[in-house]
Protein backbone atom coordinates (compact mmCIF):
# COMPACT_ATOMS: atom_id res chain seq x y z
CA MET A 1 -4.08 -11.52 -13.91
CA THR A 2 -2.00 -11.84 -10.75
CA ASP A 3 -2.51 -15.60 -10.53
CA LEU A 4 0.86 -17.39 -10.36
CA THR A 5 -0.45 -20.94 -10.47
CA GLY A 6 2.11 -23.25 -12.03
CA LYS A 7 4.90 -20.69 -11.85
CA ARG A 8 8.29 -21.45 -10.34
CA ALA A 9 9.99 -18.69 -8.38
CA LEU A 10 13.35 -18.13 -6.74
CA VAL A 11 13.72 -15.52 -3.99
CA THR A 12 17.04 -14.55 -2.43
CA GLY A 13 17.17 -13.17 1.07
CA ALA A 14 14.07 -15.23 1.78
CA SER A 15 14.73 -15.95 5.45
CA ARG A 16 13.24 -12.70 6.78
CA GLY A 17 11.67 -9.33 6.12
CA ILE A 18 10.75 -8.39 2.57
CA GLY A 19 12.09 -11.64 1.09
CA ARG A 20 9.98 -13.77 3.41
CA ALA A 21 6.88 -11.68 2.68
CA ILE A 22 7.42 -11.98 -1.08
CA ALA A 23 7.95 -15.74 -0.92
CA ALA A 24 4.77 -16.20 1.11
CA ALA A 25 2.78 -13.95 -1.23
CA TYR A 26 4.00 -15.89 -4.27
CA ALA A 27 2.92 -19.15 -2.64
CA ARG A 28 -0.52 -17.75 -1.86
CA ALA A 29 -0.77 -16.70 -5.52
CA GLY A 30 -0.01 -20.27 -6.60
CA ALA A 31 3.75 -20.46 -7.20
CA ASP A 32 6.26 -22.99 -5.96
CA VAL A 33 9.24 -21.18 -4.44
CA ALA A 34 12.97 -21.82 -4.08
CA LEU A 35 14.15 -19.98 -0.98
CA VAL A 36 17.75 -18.79 -0.81
CA ALA A 37 19.48 -17.37 2.28
CA ARG A 38 22.30 -18.08 4.72
CA ASP A 39 20.22 -18.72 7.86
CA GLU A 40 18.90 -22.26 7.61
CA VAL A 41 16.70 -22.01 10.71
CA ARG A 42 14.90 -18.88 9.58
CA LEU A 43 14.75 -20.20 6.03
CA ALA A 44 12.82 -23.20 7.37
CA GLU A 45 10.29 -20.78 8.91
CA THR A 46 9.70 -19.23 5.48
CA ALA A 47 9.41 -22.68 3.94
CA GLN A 48 6.65 -23.45 6.42
CA LEU A 49 4.72 -20.40 5.25
CA VAL A 50 5.03 -21.53 1.63
CA GLU A 51 3.92 -25.06 2.42
CA THR A 52 1.02 -23.83 4.55
CA ALA A 53 -0.21 -22.05 1.42
CA GLY A 54 -0.20 -25.45 -0.31
CA ARG A 55 2.86 -24.88 -2.48
CA ARG A 56 6.26 -26.52 -2.69
CA ALA A 57 9.23 -24.93 -0.94
CA VAL A 58 12.83 -25.69 -1.87
CA MET A 59 15.36 -24.52 0.70
CA VAL A 60 18.82 -23.57 -0.52
CA THR A 61 21.34 -22.35 2.04
CA ALA A 62 23.78 -20.07 0.25
CA ASP A 63 25.74 -16.84 0.54
CA VAL A 64 24.79 -14.72 -2.47
CA THR A 65 27.97 -12.67 -2.22
CA SER A 66 29.72 -15.74 -3.66
CA GLN A 67 29.29 -16.22 -7.40
CA GLU A 68 29.89 -19.94 -7.10
CA ALA A 69 27.27 -20.25 -4.36
CA VAL A 70 24.72 -18.38 -6.48
CA GLN A 71 25.36 -20.60 -9.49
CA ALA A 72 24.93 -23.70 -7.33
CA ALA A 73 21.74 -22.32 -5.75
CA VAL A 74 20.18 -21.59 -9.12
CA ALA A 75 21.13 -25.05 -10.39
CA THR A 76 19.48 -26.64 -7.36
CA ALA A 77 16.32 -24.57 -7.81
CA VAL A 78 16.05 -25.52 -11.48
CA GLU A 79 16.63 -29.19 -10.71
CA GLN A 80 14.08 -29.30 -7.89
CA LEU A 81 11.39 -27.13 -9.48
CA GLY A 82 11.91 -28.14 -13.08
CA GLY A 83 12.75 -24.60 -14.19
CA LEU A 84 12.29 -20.96 -13.25
CA ASP A 85 9.77 -18.34 -14.29
CA ILE A 86 10.25 -15.67 -11.61
CA VAL A 87 13.48 -14.55 -9.96
CA VAL A 88 13.68 -12.00 -7.16
CA SER A 89 17.09 -10.60 -6.20
CA ASN A 90 16.13 -9.38 -2.77
CA ALA A 91 19.17 -10.17 -0.62
CA GLY A 92 20.74 -6.96 0.62
CA GLY A 93 20.71 -4.48 3.42
CA ASN A 94 22.80 -2.07 5.42
CA THR A 95 23.95 -2.22 9.00
CA PHE A 96 25.74 1.06 9.59
CA MET A 97 25.66 4.81 9.07
CA SER A 98 28.76 6.85 8.36
CA PRO A 99 29.83 10.00 6.57
CA VAL A 100 31.84 9.39 3.41
CA VAL A 101 34.81 11.08 5.03
CA GLY A 102 35.97 8.54 7.56
CA MET A 103 34.13 5.55 6.07
CA ARG A 104 36.30 2.45 6.00
CA PRO A 105 36.84 1.05 2.49
CA SER A 106 35.97 -2.39 3.83
CA GLY A 107 32.49 -1.16 4.79
CA TRP A 108 31.99 0.35 1.33
CA GLU A 109 33.14 -2.83 -0.40
CA LYS A 110 31.03 -5.12 1.79
CA THR A 111 27.89 -3.05 1.14
CA LEU A 112 28.36 -3.06 -2.64
CA ARG A 113 29.15 -6.77 -2.61
CA LEU A 114 25.87 -7.58 -0.86
CA ASN A 115 23.57 -5.13 -2.60
CA LEU A 116 24.98 -4.97 -6.13
CA ASP A 117 27.41 -7.77 -6.89
CA SER A 118 24.98 -10.40 -5.60
CA CYS A 119 22.32 -9.23 -8.06
CA PHE A 120 24.85 -9.34 -10.90
CA PHE A 121 25.70 -12.92 -9.92
CA VAL A 122 22.00 -13.86 -9.93
CA ALA A 123 21.42 -12.25 -13.32
CA GLN A 124 24.36 -14.09 -14.84
CA ALA A 125 23.14 -17.41 -13.41
CA VAL A 126 19.47 -17.13 -14.42
CA GLY A 127 19.90 -15.20 -17.66
CA PRO A 128 20.70 -18.19 -19.90
CA ILE A 129 17.71 -20.10 -18.49
CA LEU A 130 15.17 -17.33 -19.01
CA LEU A 131 16.53 -16.33 -22.41
CA GLU A 132 16.48 -19.90 -23.70
CA GLN A 133 12.83 -20.37 -22.71
CA ARG A 134 12.02 -16.84 -23.95
CA SER A 135 9.97 -15.90 -20.94
CA GLY A 136 10.35 -14.89 -17.32
CA SER A 137 10.48 -12.00 -14.89
CA LEU A 138 13.54 -10.82 -12.98
CA ILE A 139 12.83 -8.40 -10.14
CA ASN A 140 15.70 -6.57 -8.47
CA VAL A 141 14.84 -5.14 -5.08
CA SER A 142 16.46 -1.72 -4.86
CA SER A 143 15.61 1.02 -2.34
CA VAL A 144 14.34 4.56 -2.15
CA ALA A 145 17.92 5.32 -1.12
CA GLY A 146 18.84 4.59 -4.72
CA ILE A 147 16.69 7.42 -6.09
CA THR A 148 17.02 10.03 -3.34
CA ALA A 149 19.89 11.40 -1.29
CA ALA A 150 20.75 9.30 1.75
CA PRO A 151 23.12 11.24 4.00
CA MET A 152 25.27 9.00 6.19
CA MET A 153 24.38 6.03 3.97
CA ALA A 154 26.10 6.96 0.70
CA HIS A 155 27.53 3.43 0.47
CA TYR A 156 24.06 1.87 0.49
CA SER A 157 22.57 4.58 -1.72
CA ALA A 158 25.30 4.13 -4.34
CA ALA A 159 24.79 0.36 -4.43
CA LYS A 160 21.02 0.64 -4.84
CA ALA A 161 21.33 3.34 -7.51
CA ALA A 162 23.73 1.14 -9.45
CA LEU A 163 21.25 -1.73 -9.17
CA ILE A 164 18.59 0.43 -10.83
CA SER A 165 20.99 1.14 -13.69
CA LEU A 166 21.79 -2.57 -14.00
CA THR A 167 18.06 -3.31 -14.10
CA ARG A 168 17.47 -0.93 -16.99
CA SER A 169 20.41 -2.28 -18.97
CA LEU A 170 19.29 -5.87 -18.47
CA ALA A 171 15.76 -4.96 -19.53
CA LEU A 172 17.10 -3.74 -22.86
CA GLU A 173 19.45 -6.69 -23.28
CA TRP A 174 16.73 -9.27 -22.62
CA ALA A 175 13.59 -7.69 -24.09
CA TRP A 176 14.03 -9.46 -27.43
CA ALA A 177 13.37 -12.77 -25.67
CA GLY A 178 10.29 -11.58 -23.81
CA VAL A 179 12.16 -11.62 -20.49
CA ARG A 180 11.14 -8.69 -18.30
CA VAL A 181 13.46 -7.00 -15.80
CA ASN A 182 12.13 -4.46 -13.32
CA ALA A 183 13.17 -2.89 -10.04
CA LEU A 184 11.02 -2.87 -6.93
CA VAL A 185 11.89 0.20 -4.88
CA PRO A 186 10.76 0.03 -1.25
CA GLY A 187 10.89 2.97 1.10
CA TRP A 188 11.84 2.54 4.73
CA ILE A 189 10.42 -0.80 5.83
CA ALA A 190 10.12 -2.09 9.40
CA THR A 191 12.28 -5.21 9.40
CA ASP A 192 15.15 -6.41 11.54
CA LEU A 193 17.49 -4.97 8.92
CA THR A 194 16.37 -1.47 9.91
CA ASP A 195 16.61 -2.11 13.64
CA PHE A 196 19.84 -0.10 13.76
CA ILE A 197 17.84 2.97 12.75
CA ARG A 198 14.75 2.28 14.84
CA ASP A 199 16.95 1.71 17.88
CA ASN A 200 18.20 5.28 17.53
CA PRO A 201 15.29 7.64 18.30
CA ASP A 202 16.99 10.67 16.76
CA ALA A 203 17.87 8.84 13.55
CA GLU A 204 14.40 7.34 13.32
CA ARG A 205 12.72 10.70 13.86
CA ALA A 206 14.83 12.31 11.15
CA LEU A 207 14.20 9.48 8.71
CA ILE A 208 10.46 8.96 9.15
CA GLY A 209 9.87 12.69 9.52
CA ARG A 210 10.64 12.99 5.80
CA VAL A 211 8.02 10.37 4.82
CA PRO A 212 4.70 12.02 3.86
CA MET A 213 2.72 9.08 5.28
CA GLN A 214 4.66 9.50 8.54
CA ARG A 215 5.25 5.81 9.20
CA TRP A 216 7.36 2.79 8.40
CA GLY A 217 6.18 0.50 5.63
CA GLN A 218 5.47 -3.16 6.30
CA PRO A 219 7.01 -6.10 4.37
CA GLU A 220 3.58 -7.20 3.17
CA GLU A 221 3.13 -3.80 1.52
CA ILE A 222 6.10 -4.61 -0.70
CA ALA A 223 5.08 -8.21 -1.37
CA GLN A 224 1.95 -7.32 -3.33
CA PRO A 225 3.79 -5.05 -5.78
CA ALA A 226 6.24 -7.94 -6.21
CA VAL A 227 3.33 -10.20 -7.17
CA PHE A 228 2.25 -7.66 -9.79
CA LEU A 229 5.74 -7.52 -11.33
CA ALA A 230 5.93 -11.31 -11.42
CA SER A 231 2.51 -11.82 -12.99
CA ASP A 232 0.84 -11.39 -16.37
CA ALA A 233 -0.72 -8.19 -15.02
CA SER A 234 2.63 -6.54 -15.83
CA ALA A 235 3.23 -8.41 -19.12
CA PHE A 236 4.13 -5.19 -21.00
CA VAL A 237 6.22 -3.69 -18.19
CA THR A 238 10.01 -3.86 -18.35
CA GLY A 239 12.89 -1.62 -17.35
CA GLN A 240 10.70 0.21 -14.84
CA LEU A 241 10.81 1.19 -11.18
CA LEU A 242 7.86 0.34 -8.98
CA VAL A 243 8.24 2.65 -6.00
CA ALA A 244 6.46 1.90 -2.71
CA ASP A 245 7.80 4.46 -0.27
CA GLY A 246 4.93 6.29 1.40
CA GLY A 247 5.62 9.29 -0.83
CA LEU A 248 9.22 9.88 0.28
CA SER A 249 10.68 10.14 -3.22
CA ILE A 250 8.32 12.95 -4.25
CA THR A 251 9.24 15.31 -1.42
């Protein structure tokens, strides 16, 4: 049921971390994958993982905070792969901590642009394709910060919470066509995007101390849930949150 043979996937933020792990897992499950990110060198490393699994990799260097760049990336993926069946809006992240009082508006705006607007741009670009073919799975990668309080990271938390709301609305808008839209909700994952926390022992202790499993998650532990949401194993699942957070959200 989790076999993706013959499927065509697009993954944003595919040059590292969770995006790279998802792309590699999709390839191992049988899918060809269009890889979208800004870093061409690291994107090539992900492409190698896909090709090692015996699948086709299409590299698209693009900044997903630009609507025009997203539209062009999707067009390239469709042209090269012959269509799309699976789309993962994974690009995102956060690089700073700050109280709301004193936060620069530019930091707020940049965070929402990367974590929310980019997913809106992807949905607008792929929506007509998936709706016309009356099939497909769109997976928005949110965060546990979107369903729990995240002191000092309200900017990131707000963006990821809004993404969950967008996911649910899209699920209702697209269900008539058999297009599924779900949110994958990782907890705190050990990637270079969380280095700014792990480099601060006090911040790391406070963060991981709240996780019942008392550890960071690994990108591969998010990739397998992403395979489930992309596959026929979740054929009757839409508008849902798949949370993989080591128990943090239930504390």
